[in-house]
Amino acid sequence: MSERVKVDEATVATLVAEQFPQWADLPITRVKPGGWDNRTFRLGADLLVRMPAAAHYLAQVEKEQMWLPRLAPGLPLSIPAPMAVGAPGRGYPFPWSICAWIAGETVAAAADGLDHEALAQDLADFLLALHAVDASEGPPAGPHNFHRGGDPAVYDGQTRAAVQALGDQIDGAAALALWDEALATRWDRPPVWIHGDVAPGNLLVRNGRLAAVIDFGTCGVGDPACDLAFAWTVLEDAARDTFRQRLGLDDACWLRGQAWALWKALIVVAGAPGVHTHERDLHLGVLRRLGVM
């Protein structure tokens, strides 16, 4: 894991002024929470600066610049619109992006007042539209997106180590039974576009309905199962059923979705570095919903 970079408002302001003088007078405000893969800053009222936090997130900059404009026309909700690419400078070592700002409250922030049924319907419709976009030239799963859209077996070692580390805090036998059953299945259809990180912080709501999906850094093409993990991260039982029925994906895909949710929850709860208490609590809930705790 490469070292994570710190960057402040003054550095962002200088980089913007030097490279994009047309925006030099706009105020810079750090977005909180700002995400894990990127340091994010509001630039004026209409723009957002995204700065990779470490070297292994660099591929996301070029990928989003290339693919987001191609994906947007086929999607029913707003997604980020790239406006410019910045160069390294002033001690910041990586390329960075400027995108259009999208108004809304994250699902994470709006959790207590969410209509889960409506959210399940809106998200399923978005993912169905994403799956329908031509994926023939899209980037397959790999290091650029931490293998989202690929076989969850790539994380077999991490999963088993986390089960062992958690000991009697969880039902390890149930967790491994679910994991092994999922790993025995495969996506045997043509690859489809996946978002790769359908998480509460990457979904924006306005007026109680899903309005935008952001942060496509882990997008790619492959097996859509990784995008199903959200069903156990946030959705209540009835809404989870709605989500499943509306998507119409087969039982094996749903099982691999559980495996992706299980892997992430296990490594978070077992003590992945840099995880906040609220994130750990969220994933304890995932393990309960999956029936392994």
Protein backbone atom coordinates (compact mmCIF):
# COMPACT_ATOMS: atom_id res chain seq x y z
CA MET A 1 0.00 0.00 0.00
CA SER A 2 1.58 3.26 -1.08
CA GLU A 3 1.80 6.28 1.20
CA ARG A 4 -1.29 8.47 1.39
CA VAL A 5 -0.86 12.11 0.44
CA LYS A 6 -2.09 15.07 2.45
CA VAL A 7 -3.19 18.20 0.63
CA ASP A 8 -4.71 21.40 1.96
CA GLU A 9 -6.90 24.18 0.60
CA ALA A 10 -3.93 26.51 0.03
CA THR A 11 -2.19 23.99 -2.23
CA VAL A 12 -5.39 23.38 -4.19
CA ALA A 13 -5.96 27.12 -4.60
CA THR A 14 -2.43 27.60 -5.92
CA LEU A 15 -2.67 24.70 -8.37
CA VAL A 16 -6.02 25.95 -9.68
CA ALA A 17 -4.73 29.52 -10.04
CA GLU A 18 -1.61 28.40 -11.90
CA GLN A 19 -3.23 25.86 -14.20
CA PHE A 20 -6.80 27.16 -14.59
CA PRO A 21 -6.69 30.95 -14.17
CA GLN A 22 -10.33 31.24 -15.27
CA TRP A 23 -11.25 29.69 -11.90
CA ALA A 24 -8.54 31.39 -9.81
CA ASP A 25 -10.95 33.63 -7.89
CA LEU A 26 -13.29 30.83 -6.81
CA PRO A 27 -13.23 29.84 -3.13
CA ILE A 28 -11.86 26.44 -2.12
CA THR A 29 -13.66 24.42 0.57
CA ARG A 30 -12.76 20.93 1.72
CA VAL A 31 -15.63 18.43 1.36
CA LYS A 32 -16.30 16.47 4.54
CA PRO A 33 -16.28 13.55 4.56
CA GLY A 34 -14.05 13.69 1.52
CA GLY A 35 -13.77 10.04 0.53
CA TRP A 36 -10.98 7.49 0.85
CA ASP A 37 -9.56 7.27 -2.67
CA ASN A 38 -9.54 11.03 -3.27
CA ARG A 39 -9.15 14.28 -1.38
CA THR A 40 -12.12 16.37 -2.49
CA PHE A 41 -12.68 20.11 -2.46
CA ARG A 42 -15.53 22.35 -3.53
CA LEU A 43 -14.39 24.91 -6.11
CA GLY A 44 -16.86 27.77 -6.12
CA ALA A 45 -20.53 26.84 -6.40
CA ASP A 46 -20.39 24.63 -9.47
CA LEU A 47 -17.13 22.65 -9.47
CA LEU A 48 -15.39 19.90 -7.51
CA VAL A 49 -11.66 19.13 -7.28
CA ARG A 50 -10.73 15.44 -6.89
CA MET A 51 -7.15 14.63 -5.95
CA PRO A 52 -5.98 11.00 -5.66
CA ALA A 53 -4.89 10.19 -2.13
CA ALA A 54 -2.24 7.63 -3.15
CA ALA A 55 -0.43 6.34 -6.22
CA HIS A 56 -2.64 3.26 -6.60
CA TYR A 57 -5.64 5.50 -7.32
CA LEU A 58 -3.99 7.27 -10.27
CA ALA A 59 -5.63 5.12 -12.95
CA GLN A 60 -8.99 6.45 -11.82
CA VAL A 61 -8.28 9.96 -13.13
CA GLU A 62 -7.78 8.98 -16.78
CA LYS A 63 -10.52 6.35 -16.63
CA GLU A 64 -13.15 8.77 -15.37
CA GLN A 65 -12.13 11.43 -17.87
CA MET A 66 -12.47 8.91 -20.71
CA TRP A 67 -15.56 6.97 -19.75
CA LEU A 68 -17.91 9.19 -17.75
CA PRO A 69 -18.93 11.29 -20.79
CA ARG A 70 -19.64 8.07 -22.70
CA LEU A 71 -21.71 6.52 -19.92
CA ALA A 72 -23.79 9.57 -19.04
CA PRO A 73 -26.16 9.65 -22.05
CA GLY A 74 -27.47 6.15 -21.29
CA LEU A 75 -28.13 6.68 -17.60
CA PRO A 76 -31.31 7.92 -15.87
CA LEU A 77 -29.50 9.78 -13.06
CA SER A 78 -26.73 12.35 -12.93
CA ILE A 79 -23.11 11.18 -12.78
CA PRO A 80 -19.96 13.33 -12.52
CA ALA A 81 -19.06 15.37 -15.58
CA PRO A 82 -15.29 15.88 -16.00
CA MET A 83 -14.32 19.48 -16.78
CA ALA A 84 -10.50 19.45 -16.70
CA VAL A 85 -7.37 17.49 -15.70
CA GLY A 86 -4.72 19.12 -13.57
CA ALA A 87 -1.00 18.33 -13.49
CA PRO A 88 1.22 17.58 -10.47
CA GLY A 89 2.76 20.59 -8.78
CA ARG A 90 3.46 22.51 -5.57
CA GLY A 91 4.45 19.30 -3.80
CA TYR A 92 1.37 17.37 -4.90
CA PRO A 93 2.68 14.45 -7.00
CA PHE A 94 -0.31 13.24 -9.06
CA PRO A 95 -2.65 14.30 -11.87
CA TRP A 96 -6.03 15.45 -10.55
CA SER A 97 -9.51 16.24 -11.83
CA ILE A 98 -12.05 19.02 -11.85
CA CYS A 99 -15.66 17.90 -12.26
CA ALA A 100 -19.04 19.58 -12.17
CA TRP A 101 -20.55 19.77 -8.68
CA ILE A 102 -23.72 17.73 -8.19
CA ALA A 103 -26.08 18.94 -5.48
CA GLY A 104 -27.57 16.46 -3.05
CA GLU A 105 -27.22 14.70 0.27
CA THR A 106 -25.46 11.36 0.48
CA VAL A 107 -27.40 8.27 1.46
CA ALA A 108 -24.98 8.02 4.38
CA ALA A 109 -26.02 11.46 5.65
CA ALA A 110 -29.73 10.94 4.94
CA ALA A 111 -29.94 7.43 6.37
CA ASP A 112 -32.57 8.10 9.02
CA GLY A 113 -35.08 9.67 6.64
CA LEU A 114 -34.69 7.37 3.63
CA ASP A 115 -37.53 5.59 1.86
CA HIS A 116 -35.75 2.28 1.36
CA GLU A 117 -38.32 0.96 -1.08
CA ALA A 118 -37.91 3.98 -3.37
CA LEU A 119 -34.13 3.82 -3.04
CA ALA A 120 -34.12 0.13 -4.02
CA GLN A 121 -36.23 0.84 -7.10
CA ASP A 122 -34.21 3.87 -8.20
CA LEU A 123 -30.85 2.15 -7.72
CA ALA A 124 -31.99 -1.02 -9.51
CA ASP A 125 -33.19 1.06 -12.47
CA PHE A 126 -29.87 2.91 -12.59
CA LEU A 127 -27.87 -0.33 -12.55
CA LEU A 128 -30.07 -1.89 -15.24
CA ALA A 129 -29.41 1.14 -17.45
CA LEU A 130 -25.68 0.91 -16.70
CA HIS A 131 -25.70 -2.79 -17.67
CA ALA A 132 -27.34 -1.87 -20.97
CA VAL A 133 -24.52 0.50 -22.04
CA ASP A 134 -22.18 -1.05 -24.61
CA ALA A 135 -19.36 -2.68 -22.61
CA SER A 136 -17.34 -4.05 -25.53
CA GLU A 137 -14.44 -1.60 -25.12
CA GLY A 138 -14.66 -1.02 -21.37
CA PRO A 139 -11.81 -1.82 -18.97
CA PRO A 140 -12.01 -5.35 -17.52
CA ALA A 141 -11.50 -5.99 -13.82
CA GLY A 142 -7.95 -5.59 -12.58
CA PRO A 143 -5.68 -3.60 -10.27
CA HIS A 144 -7.11 -0.31 -11.61
CA ASN A 145 -10.42 -1.02 -9.83
CA PHE A 146 -9.29 -3.49 -7.18
CA HIS A 147 -10.78 -6.36 -9.22
CA ARG A 148 -14.39 -5.17 -8.96
CA GLY A 149 -16.33 -7.01 -11.66
CA GLY A 150 -13.95 -9.93 -11.42
CA ASP A 151 -13.95 -13.10 -9.32
CA PRO A 152 -14.18 -12.41 -5.56
CA ALA A 153 -11.77 -15.33 -5.15
CA VAL A 154 -8.97 -12.78 -5.58
CA TYR A 155 -9.71 -11.88 -1.95
CA ASP A 156 -9.89 -15.46 -0.68
CA GLY A 157 -6.78 -15.10 1.47
CA GLN A 158 -7.98 -11.85 3.04
CA THR A 159 -11.40 -13.33 3.75
CA ARG A 160 -10.10 -16.45 5.46
CA ALA A 161 -7.55 -14.47 7.47
CA ALA A 162 -10.30 -12.11 8.68
CA VAL A 163 -12.53 -15.03 9.70
CA GLN A 164 -9.67 -16.49 11.67
CA ALA A 165 -8.82 -13.13 13.27
CA LEU A 166 -12.41 -12.56 14.39
CA GLY A 167 -12.63 -15.95 16.06
CA ASP A 168 -15.79 -16.45 18.09
CA GLN A 169 -16.97 -12.87 17.43
CA ILE A 170 -18.70 -14.32 14.33
CA ASP A 171 -20.03 -17.65 13.10
CA GLY A 172 -16.91 -18.49 11.13
CA ALA A 173 -18.30 -21.75 9.77
CA ALA A 174 -21.36 -19.97 8.33
CA ALA A 175 -19.19 -17.23 6.86
CA LEU A 176 -16.88 -19.69 5.11
CA ALA A 177 -19.79 -21.82 3.90
CA LEU A 178 -21.34 -18.77 2.23
CA TRP A 179 -17.96 -17.73 0.82
CA ASP A 180 -17.15 -21.17 -0.60
CA GLU A 181 -20.59 -21.55 -2.14
CA ALA A 182 -20.25 -18.18 -3.87
CA LEU A 183 -16.75 -18.94 -5.16
CA ALA A 184 -18.08 -22.08 -6.83
CA THR A 185 -20.16 -19.90 -9.21
CA ARG A 186 -19.16 -17.77 -12.19
CA TRP A 187 -20.63 -15.02 -14.37
CA ASP A 188 -21.10 -16.84 -17.69
CA ARG A 189 -22.64 -14.02 -19.72
CA PRO A 190 -21.05 -11.11 -21.61
CA PRO A 191 -19.45 -8.51 -19.33
CA VAL A 192 -21.51 -5.48 -18.35
CA TRP A 193 -20.57 -2.09 -16.96
CA ILE A 194 -20.24 -1.98 -13.18
CA HIS A 195 -19.86 1.01 -10.86
CA GLY A 196 -17.64 -0.91 -8.47
CA ASP A 197 -18.35 1.02 -5.28
CA VAL A 198 -22.09 1.38 -4.74
CA ALA A 199 -21.76 2.70 -1.20
CA PRO A 200 -23.81 5.08 0.98
CA GLY A 201 -21.33 7.90 0.39
CA ASN A 202 -21.51 7.56 -3.40
CA LEU A 203 -25.28 7.93 -3.80
CA LEU A 204 -26.90 11.38 -3.69
CA VAL A 205 -30.55 12.00 -2.87
CA ARG A 206 -32.71 15.06 -3.45
CA ASN A 207 -36.30 15.42 -2.25
CA GLY A 208 -36.19 11.89 -0.90
CA ARG A 209 -35.26 10.18 -4.18
CA LEU A 210 -31.98 8.97 -5.61
CA ALA A 211 -30.70 11.76 -7.86
CA ALA A 212 -27.08 10.97 -8.68
CA VAL A 213 -24.36 8.32 -8.48
CA ILE A 214 -20.83 9.61 -7.97
CA ASP A 215 -17.24 8.34 -7.72
CA PHE A 216 -16.73 5.99 -10.65
CA GLY A 217 -13.07 5.39 -9.84
CA THR A 218 -13.61 1.63 -9.53
CA CYS A 219 -15.85 1.28 -12.58
CA GLY A 220 -15.14 -1.29 -15.25
CA VAL A 221 -16.79 -4.16 -17.11
CA GLY A 222 -17.44 -7.69 -15.91
CA ASP A 223 -19.65 -9.46 -13.39
CA PRO A 224 -22.26 -7.10 -11.85
CA ALA A 225 -22.29 -9.00 -8.53
CA CYS A 226 -19.98 -6.52 -6.79
CA ASP A 227 -22.62 -3.79 -7.12
CA LEU A 228 -25.15 -5.91 -5.23
CA ALA A 229 -23.28 -5.63 -1.91
CA PHE A 230 -25.26 -2.44 -1.19
CA ALA A 231 -28.30 -4.62 -0.54
CA TRP A 232 -26.75 -5.75 2.76
CA THR A 233 -24.98 -2.49 3.55
CA VAL A 234 -28.09 -0.29 3.74
CA LEU A 235 -31.34 -1.82 2.54
CA GLU A 236 -33.94 -3.25 4.88
CA ASP A 237 -35.40 -6.72 4.21
CA ALA A 238 -38.41 -5.73 2.09
CA ALA A 239 -36.41 -3.22 0.07
CA ARG A 240 -33.68 -5.81 -0.46
CA ASP A 241 -36.29 -8.12 -1.99
CA THR A 242 -37.51 -5.29 -4.24
CA PHE A 243 -33.94 -4.59 -5.34
CA ARG A 244 -33.37 -8.25 -6.17
CA GLN A 245 -36.61 -8.72 -8.07
CA ARG A 246 -36.24 -5.51 -10.06
CA LEU A 247 -32.69 -6.33 -11.16
CA GLY A 248 -33.65 -9.84 -12.24
CA LEU A 249 -30.16 -11.27 -11.82
CA ASP A 250 -29.80 -14.98 -11.14
CA ASP A 251 -29.30 -16.66 -7.77
CA ALA A 252 -25.60 -17.25 -8.41
CA CYS A 253 -25.00 -13.55 -9.06
CA TRP A 254 -26.90 -12.69 -5.90
CA LEU A 255 -24.73 -15.16 -3.98
CA ARG A 256 -21.54 -13.55 -5.29
CA GLY A 257 -23.00 -10.19 -4.25
CA GLN A 258 -23.25 -11.59 -0.73
CA ALA A 259 -19.63 -12.72 -1.00
CA TRP A 260 -18.48 -9.20 -1.93
CA ALA A 261 -20.45 -7.78 1.00
CA LEU A 262 -19.03 -10.46 3.31
CA TRP A 263 -15.41 -9.84 2.28
CA LYS A 264 -15.63 -6.09 2.81
CA ALA A 265 -17.43 -6.41 6.13
CA LEU A 266 -14.98 -8.99 7.44
CA ILE A 267 -11.84 -7.01 6.66
CA VAL A 268 -13.35 -3.82 8.08
CA VAL A 269 -14.54 -5.43 11.30
CA ALA A 270 -11.29 -7.38 11.67
CA GLY A 271 -9.43 -4.08 11.77
CA ALA A 272 -8.44 -2.74 8.36
CA PRO A 273 -6.17 0.31 8.96
CA GLY A 274 -7.72 3.78 8.85
CA VAL A 275 -11.32 2.64 9.44
CA HIS A 276 -13.51 4.94 11.53
CA THR A 277 -15.80 3.58 14.26
CA HIS A 278 -18.97 4.39 12.31
CA GLU A 279 -17.64 2.42 9.32
CA ARG A 280 -16.96 -0.57 11.53
CA ASP A 281 -20.45 -0.34 13.01
CA LEU A 282 -21.95 -0.22 9.52
CA HIS A 283 -20.20 -3.44 8.57
CA LEU A 284 -21.13 -5.17 11.81
CA GLY A 285 -24.68 -4.66 10.57
CA VAL A 286 -23.73 -6.26 7.24
CA LEU A 287 -22.47 -9.37 9.01
CA ARG A 288 -25.73 -9.59 10.96
CA ARG A 289 -27.83 -9.26 7.80
CA LEU A 290 -25.76 -11.99 6.16
CA GLY A 291 -26.45 -14.29 9.11
CA VAL A 292 -22.85 -14.81 10.15
CA MET A 293 -23.02 -12.91 13.43
